[in-house]
């Protein structure tokens, strides 16, 4: 079996910094979501469009639910990115878990936590 089926350490380093940046941004976004969720009072919408204000007042519960969903999705995203860092440490990052082939670099740049190649993803449909 061919053992050249992994990205070079140099590539892994590049992906590592990309992922670390994404984690930092994702954590920042999560804080914003959480503070919006915590801040039930006036969210400073006085100066925004009246339609937004009406929406804001008319759907407090909906926005709470939506915020919770957003926060959960964001937490999962951060977890997936952290798992990707572990795969970088193990040097298994970027290898499709179905085909065993390398996942395209462009795909990894867009979806750095991907564990499936496009080929494998299409097979799932």
PDB file of N, CA and C in Angstrom:
ATOM      1  N   UNK A   1       0.842  -1.206   0.000  1.00  0.00           N
ATOM      2  CA  UNK A   1       0.000   0.000   0.000  1.00  0.00           C
ATOM      3  C   UNK A   1       0.876   1.254   0.000  1.00  0.00           C
ATOM      4  N   UNK A   2       0.490   2.200  -0.761  1.00  0.00           N
ATOM      5  CA  UNK A   2       1.262   3.440  -0.898  1.00  0.00           C
ATOM      6  C   UNK A   2       1.094   4.333   0.329  1.00  0.00           C
ATOM      7  N   UNK A   3       2.224   4.757   0.901  1.00  0.00           N
ATOM      8  CA  UNK A   3       2.172   5.573   2.114  1.00  0.00           C
ATOM      9  C   UNK A   3       2.264   7.072   1.811  1.00  0.00           C
ATOM     10  N   UNK A   4       2.373   7.449   0.554  1.00  0.00           N
ATOM     11  CA  UNK A   4       2.495   8.862   0.180  1.00  0.00           C
ATOM     12  C   UNK A   4       1.131   9.545   0.182  1.00  0.00           C
ATOM     13  N   UNK A   5       0.180   8.910   0.844  1.00  0.00           N
ATOM     14  CA  UNK A   5      -1.180   9.430   0.812  1.00  0.00           C
ATOM     15  C   UNK A   5      -1.461  10.417   1.931  1.00  0.00           C
ATOM     16  N   UNK A   6      -0.610  11.433   2.032  1.00  0.00           N
ATOM     17  CA  UNK A   6      -0.874  12.479   3.015  1.00  0.00           C
ATOM     18  C   UNK A   6      -0.230  13.771   2.549  1.00  0.00           C
ATOM     19  N   UNK A   7      -0.672  14.870   3.161  1.00  0.00           N
ATOM     20  CA  UNK A   7      -0.086  16.161   2.819  1.00  0.00           C
ATOM     21  C   UNK A   7       1.264  16.321   3.511  1.00  0.00           C
ATOM     22  N   UNK A   8       2.146  17.106   2.897  1.00  0.00           N
ATOM     23  CA  UNK A   8       3.478  17.347   3.476  1.00  0.00           C
ATOM     24  C   UNK A   8       3.346  18.164   4.763  1.00  0.00           C
ATOM     25  N   UNK A   9       4.380  18.114   5.581  1.00  0.00           N
ATOM     26  CA  UNK A   9       4.366  18.876   6.833  1.00  0.00           C
ATOM     27  C   UNK A   9       4.185  20.366   6.557  1.00  0.00           C
ATOM     28  N   UNK A  10       4.762  20.833   5.456  1.00  0.00           N
ATOM     29  CA  UNK A  10       4.643  22.246   5.086  1.00  0.00           C
ATOM     30  C   UNK A  10       3.168  22.581   4.799  1.00  0.00           C
ATOM     31  N   UNK A  11       2.504  21.717   4.034  1.00  0.00           N
ATOM     32  CA  UNK A  11       1.076  21.911   3.747  1.00  0.00           C
ATOM     33  C   UNK A  11       0.269  21.875   5.041  1.00  0.00           C
ATOM     34  N   UNK A  12       0.595  20.912   5.891  1.00  0.00           N
ATOM     35  CA  UNK A  12      -0.137  20.770   7.155  1.00  0.00           C
ATOM     36  C   UNK A  12       0.016  22.025   8.007  1.00  0.00           C
ATOM     37  N   UNK A  13       1.211  22.623   8.003  1.00  0.00           N
ATOM     38  CA  UNK A  13       1.437  23.866   8.750  1.00  0.00           C
ATOM     39  C   UNK A  13       0.541  24.983   8.233  1.00  0.00           C
ATOM     40  N   UNK A  14       0.436  25.073   6.893  1.00  0.00           N
ATOM     41  CA  UNK A  14      -0.425  26.104   6.284  1.00  0.00           C
ATOM     42  C   UNK A  14      -1.870  25.899   6.696  1.00  0.00           C
ATOM     43  N   UNK A  15      -2.342  24.649   6.633  1.00  0.00           N
ATOM     44  CA  UNK A  15      -3.726  24.356   7.028  1.00  0.00           C
ATOM     45  C   UNK A  15      -3.925  24.658   8.506  1.00  0.00           C
ATOM     46  N   UNK A  16      -2.892  24.365   9.308  1.00  0.00           N
ATOM     47  CA  UNK A  16      -2.993  24.600  10.746  1.00  0.00           C
ATOM     48  C   UNK A  16      -3.228  26.085  11.027  1.00  0.00           C
ATOM     49  N   UNK A  17      -2.462  26.972  10.383  1.00  0.00           N
ATOM     50  CA  UNK A  17      -2.686  28.408  10.649  1.00  0.00           C
ATOM     51  C   UNK A  17      -4.037  28.861  10.129  1.00  0.00           C
ATOM     52  N   UNK A  18      -4.457  28.328   8.979  1.00  0.00           N
ATOM     53  CA  UNK A  18      -5.782  28.667   8.441  1.00  0.00           C
ATOM     54  C   UNK A  18      -6.869  28.266   9.444  1.00  0.00           C
ATOM     55  N   UNK A  19      -6.756  27.062   9.972  1.00  0.00           N
ATOM     56  CA  UNK A  19      -7.765  26.554  10.914  1.00  0.00           C
ATOM     57  C   UNK A  19      -7.732  27.344  12.221  1.00  0.00           C
ATOM     58  N   UNK A  20      -6.535  27.662  12.702  1.00  0.00           N
ATOM     59  CA  UNK A  20      -6.441  28.435  13.951  1.00  0.00           C
ATOM     60  C   UNK A  20      -7.090  29.805  13.798  1.00  0.00           C
ATOM     61  N   UNK A  21      -6.905  30.434  12.626  1.00  0.00           N
ATOM     62  CA  UNK A  21      -7.564  31.717  12.354  1.00  0.00           C
ATOM     63  C   UNK A  21      -9.081  31.546  12.366  1.00  0.00           C
ATOM     64  N   UNK A  22      -9.551  30.478  11.725  1.00  0.00           N
ATOM     65  CA  UNK A  22     -10.995  30.224  11.653  1.00  0.00           C
ATOM     66  C   UNK A  22     -11.566  29.963  13.045  1.00  0.00           C
ATOM     67  N   UNK A  23     -10.822  29.262  13.885  1.00  0.00           N
ATOM     68  CA  UNK A  23     -11.285  28.991  15.247  1.00  0.00           C
ATOM     69  C   UNK A  23     -11.418  30.311  16.010  1.00  0.00           C
ATOM     70  N   UNK A  24     -10.413  31.175  15.886  1.00  0.00           N
ATOM     71  CA  UNK A  24     -10.448  32.467  16.585  1.00  0.00           C
ATOM     72  C   UNK A  24     -11.669  33.278  16.134  1.00  0.00           C
ATOM     73  N   UNK A  25     -11.901  33.312  14.818  1.00  0.00           N
ATOM     74  CA  UNK A  25     -13.049  34.058  14.300  1.00  0.00           C
ATOM     75  C   UNK A  25     -14.351  33.412  14.761  1.00  0.00           C
ATOM     76  N   UNK A  26     -14.421  32.106  14.721  1.00  0.00           N
ATOM     77  CA  UNK A  26     -15.638  31.391  15.116  1.00  0.00           C
ATOM     78  C   UNK A  26     -15.947  31.628  16.595  1.00  0.00           C
ATOM     79  N   UNK A  27     -14.906  31.659  17.431  1.00  0.00           N
ATOM     80  CA  UNK A  27     -15.115  31.918  18.861  1.00  0.00           C
ATOM     81  C   UNK A  27     -15.628  33.345  19.062  1.00  0.00           C
ATOM     82  N   UNK A  28     -15.071  34.276  18.297  1.00  0.00           N
ATOM     83  CA  UNK A  28     -15.512  35.672  18.362  1.00  0.00           C
ATOM     84  C   UNK A  28     -16.988  35.764  17.961  1.00  0.00           C
ATOM     85  N   UNK A  29     -17.345  35.096  16.852  1.00  0.00           N
ATOM     86  CA  UNK A  29     -18.734  35.099  16.384  1.00  0.00           C
ATOM     87  C   UNK A  29     -19.654  34.487  17.427  1.00  0.00           C
ATOM     88  N   UNK A  30     -19.189  33.414  18.071  1.00  0.00           N
ATOM     89  CA  UNK A  30     -19.990  32.756  19.094  1.00  0.00           C
ATOM     90  C   UNK A  30     -20.250  33.709  20.254  1.00  0.00           C
ATOM     91  N   UNK A  31     -19.236  34.477  20.634  1.00  0.00           N
ATOM     92  CA  UNK A  31     -19.421  35.476  21.707  1.00  0.00           C
ATOM     93  C   UNK A  31     -20.479  36.499  21.310  1.00  0.00           C
ATOM     94  N   UNK A  32     -20.435  36.947  20.046  1.00  0.00           N
ATOM     95  CA  UNK A  32     -21.427  37.912  19.559  1.00  0.00           C
ATOM     96  C   UNK A  32     -22.829  37.326  19.634  1.00  0.00           C
ATOM     97  N   UNK A  33     -22.964  36.073  19.208  1.00  0.00           N
ATOM     98  CA  UNK A  33     -24.265  35.406  19.239  1.00  0.00           C
ATOM     99  C   UNK A  33     -24.754  35.321  20.680  1.00  0.00           C
ATOM    100  N   UNK A  34     -23.841  34.905  21.564  1.00  0.00           N
ATOM    101  CA  UNK A  34     -24.219  34.755  22.975  1.00  0.00           C
ATOM    102  C   UNK A  34     -24.595  36.090  23.603  1.00  0.00           C
ATOM    103  N   UNK A  35     -23.855  37.151  23.279  1.00  0.00           N
ATOM    104  CA  UNK A  35     -24.171  38.434  23.898  1.00  0.00           C
ATOM    105  C   UNK A  35     -25.499  38.965  23.354  1.00  0.00           C
ATOM    106  N   UNK A  36     -25.790  38.692  22.093  1.00  0.00           N
ATOM    107  CA  UNK A  36     -27.089  39.088  21.541  1.00  0.00           C
ATOM    108  C   UNK A  36     -28.193  38.320  22.246  1.00  0.00           C
ATOM    109  N   UNK A  37     -27.909  37.072  22.553  1.00  0.00           N
ATOM    110  CA  UNK A  37     -28.886  36.224  23.239  1.00  0.00           C
ATOM    111  C   UNK A  37     -29.114  36.699  24.670  1.00  0.00           C
ATOM    112  N   UNK A  38     -28.035  37.075  25.333  1.00  0.00           N
ATOM    113  CA  UNK A  38     -28.133  37.530  26.717  1.00  0.00           C
ATOM    114  C   UNK A  38     -28.793  38.907  26.812  1.00  0.00           C
ATOM    115  N   UNK A  39     -28.521  39.735  25.816  1.00  0.00           N
ATOM    116  CA  UNK A  39     -29.017  41.106  25.839  1.00  0.00           C
ATOM    117  C   UNK A  39     -30.456  41.158  25.354  1.00  0.00           C
ATOM    118  N   UNK A  40     -31.390  40.873  26.274  1.00  0.00           N
ATOM    119  CA  UNK A  40     -32.794  40.835  25.887  1.00  0.00           C
ATOM    120  C   UNK A  40     -33.425  42.214  25.792  1.00  0.00           C
ATOM    121  N   UNK A  41     -32.846  43.159  26.496  1.00  0.00           N
ATOM    122  CA  UNK A  41     -33.422  44.497  26.534  1.00  0.00           C
ATOM    123  C   UNK A  41     -33.377  45.161  25.183  1.00  0.00           C
ATOM    124  N   UNK A  42     -33.048  46.406  25.163  1.00  0.00           N
ATOM    125  CA  UNK A  42     -32.980  47.155  23.919  1.00  0.00           C
ATOM    126  C   UNK A  42     -31.705  46.768  23.187  1.00  0.00           C
ATOM    127  N   UNK A  43     -31.866  46.237  21.989  1.00  0.00           N
ATOM    128  CA  UNK A  43     -30.699  45.837  21.218  1.00  0.00           C
ATOM    129  C   UNK A  43     -30.194  46.952  20.316  1.00  0.00           C
ATOM    130  N   UNK A  44     -30.554  48.173  20.651  1.00  0.00           N
ATOM    131  CA  UNK A  44     -30.070  49.306  19.862  1.00  0.00           C
ATOM    132  C   UNK A  44     -30.641  49.331  18.467  1.00  0.00           C
ATOM    133  N   UNK A  45     -31.912  48.956  18.324  1.00  0.00           N
ATOM    134  CA  UNK A  45     -32.502  48.928  16.984  1.00  0.00           C
ATOM    135  C   UNK A  45     -33.273  50.209  16.691  1.00  0.00           C
ATOM    136  N   UNK A  46     -33.209  51.182  17.609  1.00  0.00           N
ATOM    137  CA  UNK A  46     -33.967  52.423  17.411  1.00  0.00           C
ATOM    138  C   UNK A  46     -33.639  53.099  16.092  1.00  0.00           C
ATOM    139  N   UNK A  47     -32.380  53.029  15.713  1.00  0.00           N
ATOM    140  CA  UNK A  47     -31.970  53.761  14.516  1.00  0.00           C
ATOM    141  C   UNK A  47     -32.024  52.898  13.258  1.00  0.00           C
ATOM    142  N   UNK A  48     -32.489  51.660  13.378  1.00  0.00           N
ATOM    143  CA  UNK A  48     -32.555  50.814  12.186  1.00  0.00           C
ATOM    144  C   UNK A  48     -33.935  50.897  11.566  1.00  0.00           C
ATOM    145  N   UNK A  49     -34.094  50.241  10.455  1.00  0.00           N
ATOM    146  CA  UNK A  49     -35.355  50.294   9.714  1.00  0.00           C
ATOM    147  C   UNK A  49     -36.535  49.874  10.573  1.00  0.00           C
ATOM    148  N   UNK A  50     -37.681  50.549  10.420  1.00  0.00           N
ATOM    149  CA  UNK A  50     -38.876  50.218  11.212  1.00  0.00           C
ATOM    150  C   UNK A  50     -39.302  48.761  11.019  1.00  0.00           C
ATOM    151  N   UNK A  51     -39.090  48.219   9.813  1.00  0.00           N
ATOM    152  CA  UNK A  51     -39.477  46.821   9.577  1.00  0.00           C
ATOM    153  C   UNK A  51     -38.671  45.894  10.479  1.00  0.00           C
ATOM    154  N   UNK A  52     -37.388  46.211  10.644  1.00  0.00           N
ATOM    155  CA  UNK A  52     -36.564  45.387  11.513  1.00  0.00           C
ATOM    156  C   UNK A  52     -37.043  45.496  12.946  1.00  0.00           C
ATOM    157  N   UNK A  53     -37.390  46.710  13.358  1.00  0.00           N
ATOM    158  CA  UNK A  53     -37.858  46.917  14.731  1.00  0.00           C
ATOM    159  C   UNK A  53     -39.134  46.122  14.988  1.00  0.00           C
ATOM    160  N   UNK A  54     -40.042  46.140  14.026  1.00  0.00           N
ATOM    161  CA  UNK A  54     -41.293  45.389  14.178  1.00  0.00           C
ATOM    162  C   UNK A  54     -40.983  43.900  14.269  1.00  0.00           C
ATOM    163  N   UNK A  55     -40.080  43.465  13.437  1.00  0.00           N
ATOM    164  CA  UNK A  55     -39.677  42.059  13.444  1.00  0.00           C
ATOM    165  C   UNK A  55     -39.087  41.707  14.808  1.00  0.00           C
ATOM    166  N   UNK A  56     -38.229  42.590  15.286  1.00  0.00           N
ATOM    167  CA  UNK A  56     -37.552  42.385  16.564  1.00  0.00           C
ATOM    168  C   UNK A  56     -38.562  42.238  17.695  1.00  0.00           C
ATOM    169  N   UNK A  57     -39.550  43.142  17.753  1.00  0.00           N
ATOM    170  CA  UNK A  57     -40.530  43.109  18.837  1.00  0.00           C
ATOM    171  C   UNK A  57     -41.491  41.940  18.679  1.00  0.00           C
ATOM    172  N   UNK A  58     -41.812  41.600  17.439  1.00  0.00           N
ATOM    173  CA  UNK A  58     -42.810  40.574  17.196  1.00  0.00           C
ATOM    174  C   UNK A  58     -42.295  39.157  17.313  1.00  0.00           C
ATOM    175  N   UNK A  59     -40.996  39.006  17.448  1.00  0.00           N
ATOM    176  CA  UNK A  59     -40.497  37.632  17.422  1.00  0.00           C
ATOM    177  C   UNK A  59     -39.378  37.396  18.424  1.00  0.00           C
ATOM    178  N   UNK A  60     -39.572  37.888  19.633  1.00  0.00           N
ATOM    179  CA  UNK A  60     -38.568  37.683  20.676  1.00  0.00           C
ATOM    180  C   UNK A  60     -38.260  36.195  20.847  1.00  0.00           C
ATOM    181  N   UNK A  61     -39.322  35.364  20.951  1.00  0.00           N
ATOM    182  CA  UNK A  61     -39.095  33.939  21.184  1.00  0.00           C
ATOM    183  C   UNK A  61     -38.425  33.299  19.985  1.00  0.00           C
ATOM    184  N   UNK A  62     -38.854  33.674  18.786  1.00  0.00           N
ATOM    185  CA  UNK A  62     -38.258  33.123  17.580  1.00  0.00           C
ATOM    186  C   UNK A  62     -36.775  33.459  17.538  1.00  0.00           C
ATOM    187  N   UNK A  63     -36.427  34.715  17.848  1.00  0.00           N
ATOM    188  CA  UNK A  63     -35.028  35.093  17.746  1.00  0.00           C
ATOM    189  C   UNK A  63     -34.199  34.405  18.829  1.00  0.00           C
ATOM    190  N   UNK A  64     -34.805  34.142  19.980  1.00  0.00           N
ATOM    191  CA  UNK A  64     -34.109  33.396  21.033  1.00  0.00           C
ATOM    192  C   UNK A  64     -33.786  31.994  20.552  1.00  0.00           C
ATOM    193  N   UNK A  65     -34.801  31.376  19.932  1.00  0.00           N
ATOM    194  CA  UNK A  65     -34.611  30.034  19.397  1.00  0.00           C
ATOM    195  C   UNK A  65     -33.569  30.033  18.284  1.00  0.00           C
ATOM    196  N   UNK A  66     -33.692  31.002  17.387  1.00  0.00           N
ATOM    197  CA  UNK A  66     -32.755  31.097  16.267  1.00  0.00           C
ATOM    198  C   UNK A  66     -31.337  31.310  16.785  1.00  0.00           C
ATOM    199  N   UNK A  67     -31.200  32.169  17.800  1.00  0.00           N
ATOM    200  CA  UNK A  67     -29.895  32.420  18.396  1.00  0.00           C
ATOM    201  C   UNK A  67     -29.304  31.168  19.018  1.00  0.00           C
ATOM    202  N   UNK A  68     -30.149  30.409  19.709  1.00  0.00           N
ATOM    203  CA  UNK A  68     -29.686  29.169  20.319  1.00  0.00           C
ATOM    204  C   UNK A  68     -29.200  28.208  19.244  1.00  0.00           C
ATOM    205  N   UNK A  69     -29.969  28.102  18.152  1.00  0.00           N
ATOM    206  CA  UNK A  69     -29.570  27.238  17.039  1.00  0.00           C
ATOM    207  C   UNK A  69     -28.241  27.695  16.438  1.00  0.00           C
ATOM    208  N   UNK A  70     -28.128  29.023  16.244  1.00  0.00           N
ATOM    209  CA  UNK A  70     -26.887  29.585  15.709  1.00  0.00           C
ATOM    210  C   UNK A  70     -25.710  29.252  16.617  1.00  0.00           C
ATOM    211  N   UNK A  71     -25.911  29.429  17.919  1.00  0.00           N
ATOM    212  CA  UNK A  71     -24.842  29.170  18.886  1.00  0.00           C
ATOM    213  C   UNK A  71     -24.444  27.697  18.849  1.00  0.00           C
ATOM    214  N   UNK A  72     -25.425  26.808  18.776  1.00  0.00           N
ATOM    215  CA  UNK A  72     -25.127  25.372  18.725  1.00  0.00           C
ATOM    216  C   UNK A  72     -24.356  25.009  17.461  1.00  0.00           C
ATOM    217  N   UNK A  73     -24.794  25.589  16.337  1.00  0.00           N
ATOM    218  CA  UNK A  73     -24.091  25.327  15.072  1.00  0.00           C
ATOM    219  C   UNK A  73     -22.655  25.829  15.135  1.00  0.00           C
ATOM    220  N   UNK A  74     -22.484  27.008  15.746  1.00  0.00           N
ATOM    221  CA  UNK A  74     -21.155  27.610  15.869  1.00  0.00           C
ATOM    222  C   UNK A  74     -20.259  26.746  16.762  1.00  0.00           C
ATOM    223  N   UNK A  75     -20.836  26.231  17.857  1.00  0.00           N
ATOM    224  CA  UNK A  75     -20.063  25.364  18.760  1.00  0.00           C
ATOM    225  C   UNK A  75     -19.621  24.095  18.040  1.00  0.00           C
ATOM    226  N   UNK A  76     -20.516  23.541  17.228  1.00  0.00           N
ATOM    227  CA  UNK A  76     -20.184  22.325  16.467  1.00  0.00           C
ATOM    228  C   UNK A  76     -19.069  22.644  15.460  1.00  0.00           C
ATOM    229  N   UNK A  77     -19.159  23.803  14.815  1.00  0.00           N
ATOM    230  CA  UNK A  77     -18.150  24.228  13.847  1.00  0.00           C
ATOM    231  C   UNK A  77     -16.778  24.312  14.534  1.00  0.00           C
ATOM    232  N   UNK A  78     -16.743  24.922  15.710  1.00  0.00           N
ATOM    233  CA  UNK A  78     -15.486  25.049  16.460  1.00  0.00           C
ATOM    234  C   UNK A  78     -14.951  23.659  16.820  1.00  0.00           C
ATOM    235  N   UNK A  79     -15.853  22.774  17.253  1.00  0.00           N
ATOM    236  CA  UNK A  79     -15.455  21.403  17.597  1.00  0.00           C
ATOM    237  C   UNK A  79     -14.872  20.693  16.369  1.00  0.00           C
ATOM    238  N   UNK A  80     -15.532  20.838  15.209  1.00  0.00           N
ATOM    239  CA  UNK A  80     -15.053  20.217  13.972  1.00  0.00           C
ATOM    240  C   UNK A  80     -13.671  20.748  13.592  1.00  0.00           C
ATOM    241  N   UNK A  81     -13.478  22.069  13.767  1.00  0.00           N
ATOM    242  CA  UNK A  81     -12.176  22.661  13.449  1.00  0.00           C
ATOM    243  C   UNK A  81     -11.095  22.143  14.399  1.00  0.00           C
ATOM    244  N   UNK A  82     -11.439  22.005  15.686  1.00  0.00           N
ATOM    245  CA  UNK A  82     -10.466  21.484  16.654  1.00  0.00           C
ATOM    246  C   UNK A  82     -10.110  20.037  16.329  1.00  0.00           C
ATOM    247  N   UNK A  83     -11.095  19.266  15.879  1.00  0.00           N
ATOM    248  CA  UNK A  83     -10.825  17.889  15.460  1.00  0.00           C
ATOM    249  C   UNK A  83      -9.890  17.864  14.249  1.00  0.00           C
ATOM    250  N   UNK A  84     -10.049  18.850  13.371  1.00  0.00           N
ATOM    251  CA  UNK A  84      -9.171  18.953  12.209  1.00  0.00           C
ATOM    252  C   UNK A  84      -7.732  19.202  12.660  1.00  0.00           C
ATOM    253  N   UNK A  85      -7.550  20.016  13.711  1.00  0.00           N
ATOM    254  CA  UNK A  85      -6.204  20.255  14.254  1.00  0.00           C
ATOM    255  C   UNK A  85      -5.600  18.949  14.784  1.00  0.00           C
ATOM    256  N   UNK A  86      -6.428  18.118  15.402  1.00  0.00           N
ATOM    257  CA  UNK A  86      -5.944  16.824  15.900  1.00  0.00           C
ATOM    258  C   UNK A  86      -5.491  15.958  14.724  1.00  0.00           C
ATOM    259  N   UNK A  87      -6.280  15.975  13.645  1.00  0.00           N
ATOM    260  CA  UNK A  87      -5.883  15.199  12.459  1.00  0.00           C
ATOM    261  C   UNK A  87      -4.584  15.726  11.866  1.00  0.00           C
ATOM    262  N   UNK A  88      -4.351  17.036  11.983  1.00  0.00           N
ATOM    263  CA  UNK A  88      -3.079  17.594  11.500  1.00  0.00           C
ATOM    264  C   UNK A  88      -1.936  17.024  12.345  1.00  0.00           C
ATOM    265  N   UNK A  89      -2.128  17.014  13.672  1.00  0.00           N
ATOM    266  CA  UNK A  89      -1.106  16.451  14.568  1.00  0.00           C
ATOM    267  C   UNK A  89      -0.824  14.989  14.216  1.00  0.00           C
ATOM    268  N   UNK A  90      -1.886  14.234  13.919  1.00  0.00           N
ATOM    269  CA  UNK A  90      -1.740  12.805  13.582  1.00  0.00           C
ATOM    270  C   UNK A  90      -1.296  12.588  12.141  1.00  0.00           C
ATOM    271  N   UNK A  91      -1.181  13.677  11.396  1.00  0.00           N
ATOM    272  CA  UNK A  91      -0.813  13.641   9.976  1.00  0.00           C
ATOM    273  C   UNK A  91      -1.819  12.863   9.124  1.00  0.00           C
ATOM    274  N   UNK A  92      -3.074  12.840   9.571  1.00  0.00           N
ATOM    275  CA  UNK A  92      -4.123  12.192   8.779  1.00  0.00           C
ATOM    276  C   UNK A  92      -5.039  13.237   8.156  1.00  0.00           C
ATOM    277  N   UNK A  93      -4.712  14.506   8.374  1.00  0.00           N
ATOM    278  CA  UNK A  93      -5.539  15.602   7.862  1.00  0.00           C
ATOM    279  C   UNK A  93      -5.569  15.592   6.333  1.00  0.00           C
ATOM    280  N   UNK A  94      -6.760  15.840   5.786  1.00  0.00           N
ATOM    281  CA  UNK A  94      -6.884  15.979   4.333  1.00  0.00           C
ATOM    282  C   UNK A  94      -7.029  14.661   3.599  1.00  0.00           C
ATOM    283  N   UNK A  95      -7.134  13.553   4.355  1.00  0.00           N
ATOM    284  CA  UNK A  95      -7.326  12.248   3.736  1.00  0.00           C
ATOM    285  C   UNK A  95      -8.805  11.882   3.861  1.00  0.00           C
ATOM    286  N   UNK A  96      -9.431  11.576   2.733  1.00  0.00           N
ATOM    287  CA  UNK A  96     -10.853  11.220   2.730  1.00  0.00           C
ATOM    288  C   UNK A  96     -11.074   9.948   3.538  1.00  0.00           C
ATOM    289  N   UNK A  97     -12.048   9.997   4.464  1.00  0.00           N
ATOM    290  CA  UNK A  97     -12.264   8.826   5.317  1.00  0.00           C
ATOM    291  C   UNK A  97     -12.995   7.703   4.591  1.00  0.00           C
ATOM    292  N   UNK A  98     -13.480   7.950   3.373  1.00  0.00           N
ATOM    293  CA  UNK A  98     -14.142   6.895   2.607  1.00  0.00           C
ATOM    294  C   UNK A  98     -13.194   6.314   1.554  1.00  0.00           C
ATOM    295  N   UNK A  99     -12.623   7.188   0.729  1.00  0.00           N
ATOM    296  CA  UNK A  99     -11.798   6.696  -0.381  1.00  0.00           C
ATOM    297  C   UNK A  99     -10.326   6.536   0.006  1.00  0.00           C
ATOM    298  N   UNK A 100      -9.901   7.218   1.077  1.00  0.00           N
ATOM    299  CA  UNK A 100      -8.495   7.157   1.462  1.00  0.00           C
ATOM    300  C   UNK A 100      -7.605   8.032   0.592  1.00  0.00           C
ATOM    301  N   UNK A 101      -8.226   8.750  -0.347  1.00  0.00           N
ATOM    302  CA  UNK A 101      -7.453   9.643  -1.228  1.00  0.00           C
ATOM    303  C   UNK A 101      -7.342  11.019  -0.582  1.00  0.00           C
ATOM    304  N   UNK A 102      -6.396  11.805  -1.075  1.00  0.00           N
ATOM    305  CA  UNK A 102      -6.259  13.172  -0.565  1.00  0.00           C
ATOM    306  C   UNK A 102      -7.450  14.012  -1.012  1.00  0.00           C
ATOM    307  N   UNK A 103      -7.957  14.821  -0.092  1.00  0.00           N
ATOM    308  CA  UNK A 103      -9.030  15.754  -0.417  1.00  0.00           C
ATOM    309  C   UNK A 103      -8.392  16.949  -1.118  1.00  0.00           C
ATOM    310  N   UNK A 104      -9.029  17.421  -2.157  1.00  0.00           N
ATOM    311  CA  UNK A 104      -8.521  18.551  -2.938  1.00  0.00           C
ATOM    312  C   UNK A 104      -8.204  19.747  -2.035  1.00  0.00           C
ATOM    313  N   UNK A 105      -7.039  20.365  -2.279  1.00  0.00           N
ATOM    314  CA  UNK A 105      -6.593  21.512  -1.467  1.00  0.00           C
ATOM    315  C   UNK A 105      -7.595  22.665  -1.467  1.00  0.00           C
ATOM    316  N   UNK A 106      -8.170  22.945  -2.640  1.00  0.00           N
ATOM    317  CA  UNK A 106      -9.133  24.049  -2.739  1.00  0.00           C
ATOM    318  C   UNK A 106     -10.341  23.780  -1.851  1.00  0.00           C
ATOM    319  N   UNK A 107     -10.791  22.532  -1.830  1.00  0.00           N
ATOM    320  CA  UNK A 107     -11.929  22.160  -0.974  1.00  0.00           C
ATOM    321  C   UNK A 107     -11.558  22.363   0.492  1.00  0.00           C
ATOM    322  N   UNK A 108     -10.347  21.968   0.868  1.00  0.00           N
ATOM    323  CA  UNK A 108      -9.915  22.113   2.262  1.00  0.00           C
ATOM    324  C   UNK A 108      -9.784  23.579   2.658  1.00  0.00           C
ATOM    325  N   UNK A 109      -9.429  24.424   1.697  1.00  0.00           N
ATOM    326  CA  UNK A 109      -9.333  25.856   2.015  1.00  0.00           C
ATOM    327  C   UNK A 109     -10.718  26.431   2.287  1.00  0.00           C
ATOM    328  N   UNK A 110     -11.724  25.944   1.554  1.00  0.00           N
ATOM    329  CA  UNK A 110     -13.097  26.414   1.748  1.00  0.00           C
ATOM    330  C   UNK A 110     -13.752  25.752   2.953  1.00  0.00           C
ATOM    331  N   UNK A 111     -13.504  24.453   3.111  1.00  0.00           N
ATOM    332  CA  UNK A 111     -14.101  23.677   4.202  1.00  0.00           C
ATOM    333  C   UNK A 111     -12.967  22.949   4.929  1.00  0.00           C
ATOM    334  N   UNK A 112     -12.231  23.675   5.781  1.00  0.00           N
ATOM    335  CA  UNK A 112     -11.022  23.089   6.378  1.00  0.00           C
ATOM    336  C   UNK A 112     -11.271  21.898   7.294  1.00  0.00           C
ATOM    337  N   UNK A 113     -12.531  21.685   7.697  1.00  0.00           N
ATOM    338  CA  UNK A 113     -12.809  20.550   8.575  1.00  0.00           C
ATOM    339  C   UNK A 113     -13.369  19.355   7.799  1.00  0.00           C
ATOM    340  N   UNK A 114     -13.326  19.430   6.461  1.00  0.00           N
ATOM    341  CA  UNK A 114     -13.870  18.355   5.624  1.00  0.00           C
ATOM    342  C   UNK A 114     -13.146  17.037   5.889  1.00  0.00           C
ATOM    343  N   UNK A 115     -13.911  15.948   5.931  1.00  0.00           N
ATOM    344  CA  UNK A 115     -13.299  14.622   6.078  1.00  0.00           C
ATOM    345  C   UNK A 115     -13.658  13.746   4.887  1.00  0.00           C
ATOM    346  N   UNK A 116     -14.422  14.320   3.946  1.00  0.00           N
ATOM    347  CA  UNK A 116     -14.817  13.590   2.744  1.00  0.00           C
ATOM    348  C   UNK A 116     -14.370  14.333   1.496  1.00  0.00           C
ATOM    349  N   UNK A 117     -13.900  13.592   0.505  1.00  0.00           N
ATOM    350  CA  UNK A 117     -13.605  14.203  -0.790  1.00  0.00           C
ATOM    351  C   UNK A 117     -14.943  14.441  -1.490  1.00  0.00           C
ATOM    352  N   UNK A 118     -14.936  15.259  -2.526  1.00  0.00           N
ATOM    353  CA  UNK A 118     -16.158  15.517  -3.295  1.00  0.00           C
ATOM    354  C   UNK A 118     -16.691  14.185  -3.845  1.00  0.00           C
ATOM    355  N   UNK A 119     -15.770  13.351  -4.299  1.00  0.00           N
ATOM    356  CA  UNK A 119     -16.122  12.036  -4.851  1.00  0.00           C
ATOM    357  C   UNK A 119     -16.936  11.225  -3.828  1.00  0.00           C
ATOM    358  N   UNK A 120     -16.450  11.166  -2.594  1.00  0.00           N
ATOM    359  CA  UNK A 120     -17.128  10.410  -1.535  1.00  0.00           C
ATOM    360  C   UNK A 120     -18.454  11.060  -1.168  1.00  0.00           C
ATOM    361  N   UNK A 121     -18.470  12.397  -1.164  1.00  0.00           N
ATOM    362  CA  UNK A 121     -19.687  13.132  -0.826  1.00  0.00           C
ATOM    363  C   UNK A 121     -20.776  12.833  -1.863  1.00  0.00           C
ATOM    364  N   UNK A 122     -20.378  12.783  -3.139  1.00  0.00           N
ATOM    365  CA  UNK A 122     -21.331  12.495  -4.208  1.00  0.00           C
ATOM    366  C   UNK A 122     -21.871  11.067  -4.106  1.00  0.00           C
ATOM    367  N   UNK A 123     -21.053  10.152  -3.624  1.00  0.00           N
ATOM    368  CA  UNK A 123     -21.490   8.759  -3.462  1.00  0.00           C
ATOM    369  C   UNK A 123     -22.586   8.642  -2.412  1.00  0.00           C
ATOM    370  N   UNK A 124     -22.624   9.597  -1.471  1.00  0.00           N
ATOM    371  CA  UNK A 124     -23.606   9.547  -0.390  1.00  0.00           C
ATOM    372  C   UNK A 124     -25.009   9.943  -0.828  1.00  0.00           C
ATOM    373  N   UNK A 125     -25.093  10.610  -1.960  1.00  0.00           N
ATOM    374  CA  UNK A 125     -26.400  11.122  -2.404  1.00  0.00           C
ATOM    375  C   UNK A 125     -27.326  10.009  -2.862  1.00  0.00           C
TER     376      UNK A 125
END
